[in-house]
Protein backbone atom coordinates (compact mmCIF):
# COMPACT_ATOMS: atom_id res chain seq x y z
CA MET A 1 81.50 85.54 110.81
CA PRO A 2 80.84 88.36 108.35
CA ARG A 3 80.37 91.87 109.64
CA LEU A 4 76.76 92.97 109.71
CA GLN A 5 76.32 95.47 106.93
CA LYS A 6 73.78 98.19 107.67
CA ASN A 7 73.45 99.49 104.13
CA ASP A 8 73.87 96.29 102.16
CA ASN A 9 73.22 96.73 98.51
CA PHE A 10 72.91 94.00 95.91
CA ILE A 11 76.54 94.26 94.80
CA ASP A 12 77.90 94.11 98.36
CA LYS A 13 75.70 91.14 99.22
CA THR A 14 76.65 89.35 96.01
CA PHE A 15 80.36 89.97 96.61
CA THR A 16 80.11 88.64 100.16
CA VAL A 17 78.28 85.48 99.12
CA LEU A 18 80.62 84.80 96.19
CA ALA A 19 83.71 85.46 98.28
CA ASP A 20 82.51 83.04 100.95
CA VAL A 21 81.83 80.35 98.31
CA VAL A 22 85.23 80.84 96.68
CA LEU A 23 86.99 80.65 100.04
CA LYS A 24 85.26 77.37 100.82
CA ILE A 25 86.31 75.88 97.47
CA LEU A 26 89.89 77.11 97.17
CA PRO A 27 92.65 75.27 98.98
CA THR A 28 93.70 78.08 101.31
CA SER A 29 95.03 77.99 104.83
CA LYS A 30 92.95 78.93 107.84
CA GLU A 31 95.07 82.09 108.25
CA GLU A 32 94.52 83.14 104.62
CA LYS A 33 90.78 82.68 104.98
CA GLN A 34 90.73 84.62 108.24
CA ALA A 35 92.81 87.40 106.67
CA PHE A 36 90.31 87.66 103.84
CA TYR A 37 87.37 87.84 106.25
CA TYR A 38 89.07 90.70 108.11
CA TYR A 39 89.85 92.43 104.80
CA ARG A 40 86.27 92.03 103.57
CA ASP A 41 84.90 93.35 106.86
CA GLY A 42 87.36 96.25 106.67
CA MET A 43 86.11 97.16 103.20
CA SER A 44 82.52 96.99 104.40
CA ALA A 45 83.22 99.23 107.39
CA GLN A 46 85.22 101.63 105.22
CA SER A 47 82.39 101.93 102.71
CA GLU A 48 80.08 102.91 105.56
CA GLY A 49 82.51 105.52 106.88
CA GLU A 50 83.35 103.44 109.97
CA TYR A 51 87.06 104.14 109.66
CA ALA A 52 88.18 103.04 113.12
CA GLU A 53 86.48 99.68 112.64
CA ALA A 54 87.91 99.39 109.13
CA LEU A 55 91.43 100.05 110.41
CA GLU A 56 91.04 97.41 113.12
CA ASN A 57 90.03 94.86 110.50
CA TYR A 58 92.80 95.84 108.09
CA TYR A 59 95.45 95.60 110.81
CA GLU A 60 94.15 92.15 111.74
CA ALA A 61 94.26 91.13 108.08
CA LEU A 62 97.87 92.36 107.84
CA GLN A 63 98.85 90.16 110.76
CA LEU A 64 97.53 87.08 108.98
CA GLU A 65 98.03 87.75 105.28
CA GLU A 66 101.26 86.47 103.80
CA ASP A 67 100.72 87.07 100.09
CA PRO A 68 102.55 90.29 99.07
CA PHE A 69 99.98 91.16 96.39
CA ASP A 70 97.09 90.87 98.84
CA ARG A 71 99.03 92.73 101.51
CA SER A 72 99.55 95.60 99.05
CA TYR A 73 95.80 96.14 98.79
CA ILE A 74 95.36 96.06 102.55
CA LEU A 75 98.11 98.68 102.92
CA TYR A 76 96.58 100.74 100.11
CA ASN A 77 93.18 100.77 101.84
CA ILE A 78 94.78 101.81 105.12
CA GLY A 79 96.40 104.67 103.20
CA LEU A 80 92.99 105.66 101.84
CA ILE A 81 91.58 105.97 105.33
CA TYR A 82 94.46 108.10 106.58
CA ALA A 83 94.25 110.31 103.49
CA SER A 84 90.51 110.80 103.92
CA ASN A 85 91.15 111.83 107.52
CA GLY A 86 93.74 114.39 106.40
CA GLU A 87 96.67 112.42 107.81
CA HIS A 88 98.74 112.74 104.65
CA VAL A 89 102.10 111.71 106.09
CA LYS A 90 100.65 108.42 107.35
CA ALA A 91 98.78 107.92 104.09
CA LEU A 92 102.01 108.35 102.11
CA GLU A 93 103.75 105.78 104.33
CA TYR A 94 101.08 103.17 103.62
CA TYR A 95 100.88 103.95 99.90
CA HIS A 96 104.66 103.54 99.63
CA GLN A 97 104.54 100.26 101.56
CA ALA A 98 101.84 99.04 99.17
CA LEU A 99 104.02 99.97 96.19
CA GLU A 100 107.00 98.13 97.67
CA LEU A 101 104.92 94.95 97.49
CA ASN A 102 103.11 95.74 94.23
CA SER A 103 104.75 98.31 91.96
CA LYS A 104 101.86 98.06 89.49
CA LEU A 105 99.29 99.77 91.67
CA PRO A 106 98.36 102.91 89.72
CA GLN A 107 95.76 104.02 92.25
CA ALA A 108 98.45 104.26 94.95
CA LEU A 109 100.70 106.23 92.58
CA ASN A 110 97.80 108.54 91.76
CA ASN A 111 96.93 109.10 95.41
CA ILE A 112 100.55 109.92 96.26
CA ALA A 113 100.51 112.46 93.42
CA VAL A 114 97.26 113.95 94.70
CA ILE A 115 98.80 114.48 98.14
CA TYR A 116 101.94 116.08 96.69
CA HIS A 117 99.81 118.29 94.44
CA TYR A 118 97.74 119.38 97.45
CA GLN A 119 100.94 120.13 99.39
CA GLY A 120 102.20 122.11 96.39
CA LEU A 121 99.04 124.21 96.35
CA LYS A 122 99.31 124.86 100.08
CA ALA A 123 102.96 125.90 99.72
CA ALA A 124 102.10 128.20 96.79
CA ASN A 125 99.36 129.87 98.84
CA LYS A 126 101.97 130.60 101.52
CA ASN A 127 104.41 131.95 98.90
CA LYS A 128 106.82 129.08 99.53
CA ILE A 129 107.71 128.89 95.84
CA ASN A 130 110.62 126.43 96.06
CA LEU A 131 108.65 124.00 98.19
CA SER A 132 105.67 124.38 95.87
CA LYS A 133 107.79 123.56 92.80
CA GLU A 134 109.29 120.54 94.60
CA MET A 135 105.84 119.18 95.51
CA PHE A 136 104.49 119.75 91.99
CA THR A 137 107.52 117.98 90.51
CA LYS A 138 106.90 115.00 92.79
CA ALA A 139 103.22 114.99 91.86
CA ALA A 140 104.12 114.99 88.17
CA GLN A 141 106.53 112.07 88.62
CA TYR A 142 103.93 109.94 90.37
CA TRP A 143 101.17 110.86 87.95
CA GLU A 144 103.41 109.91 85.04
CA GLN A 145 103.96 106.49 86.59
CA ALA A 146 100.24 106.03 87.26
CA ILE A 147 99.35 107.07 83.71
CA SER A 148 101.94 104.73 82.21
CA LEU A 149 100.24 101.83 84.04
CA ALA A 150 96.68 103.00 83.29
CA PRO A 151 96.80 105.27 80.22
CA ASN A 152 93.02 105.66 79.98
CA ASN A 153 92.68 106.84 83.56
CA TYR A 154 93.61 110.01 85.41
CA ILE A 155 92.43 112.40 82.70
CA GLU A 156 92.55 115.40 85.06
CA ALA A 157 96.15 114.56 85.92
CA GLN A 158 97.01 114.24 82.23
CA ASN A 159 95.45 117.65 81.61
CA TRP A 160 97.36 119.15 84.53
CA LEU A 161 100.62 117.71 83.20
CA LYS A 162 99.90 119.27 79.79
CA THR A 163 98.79 122.68 81.05
CA THR A 164 101.78 123.00 83.39
CA GLY A 165 104.30 121.96 80.76
CA ARG A 166 104.93 118.61 82.40
CA GLU A 167 103.14 116.77 79.64
CA TYR A 168 103.17 113.02 79.88
CA GLN A 169 104.99 111.44 76.96
CA SER A 170 103.50 108.07 76.01
CA THR A 171 105.94 105.41 74.89
């Protein structure tokens, strides 16, 4: 049964209806369907800022979902929640797990870079220059990977790479 959405908008309602129709038509197992329902309910809860509920749904989806590609998006969304709550170490763990299953996930690469960049800024503010340089180098490496997968995205990261002398070289 779909989660009751308090702030349903047209797009959310349309997505839910279409997803339910597709699931009824496609030859998928009961577990795959159940995993999708948990994932969908997790996304709905996450969009409403109900992070604890979203995590519960995502963890349930992970228990049932077998497809590595689909699992990567569940793990990515879990990482988003931890990052938004300031739990950067946990967020990095989930982003890396997502990338292990789907190496072509530029948004996970970007978010890892954002965390490293933030850590670099914090280290610089505390005059921990070596740590700051290390974090900025890691950020640059992940941003370069994200940009290579999505060259029209991450304009701010591209500008940062250029202004800091870490300019991304397109191939």
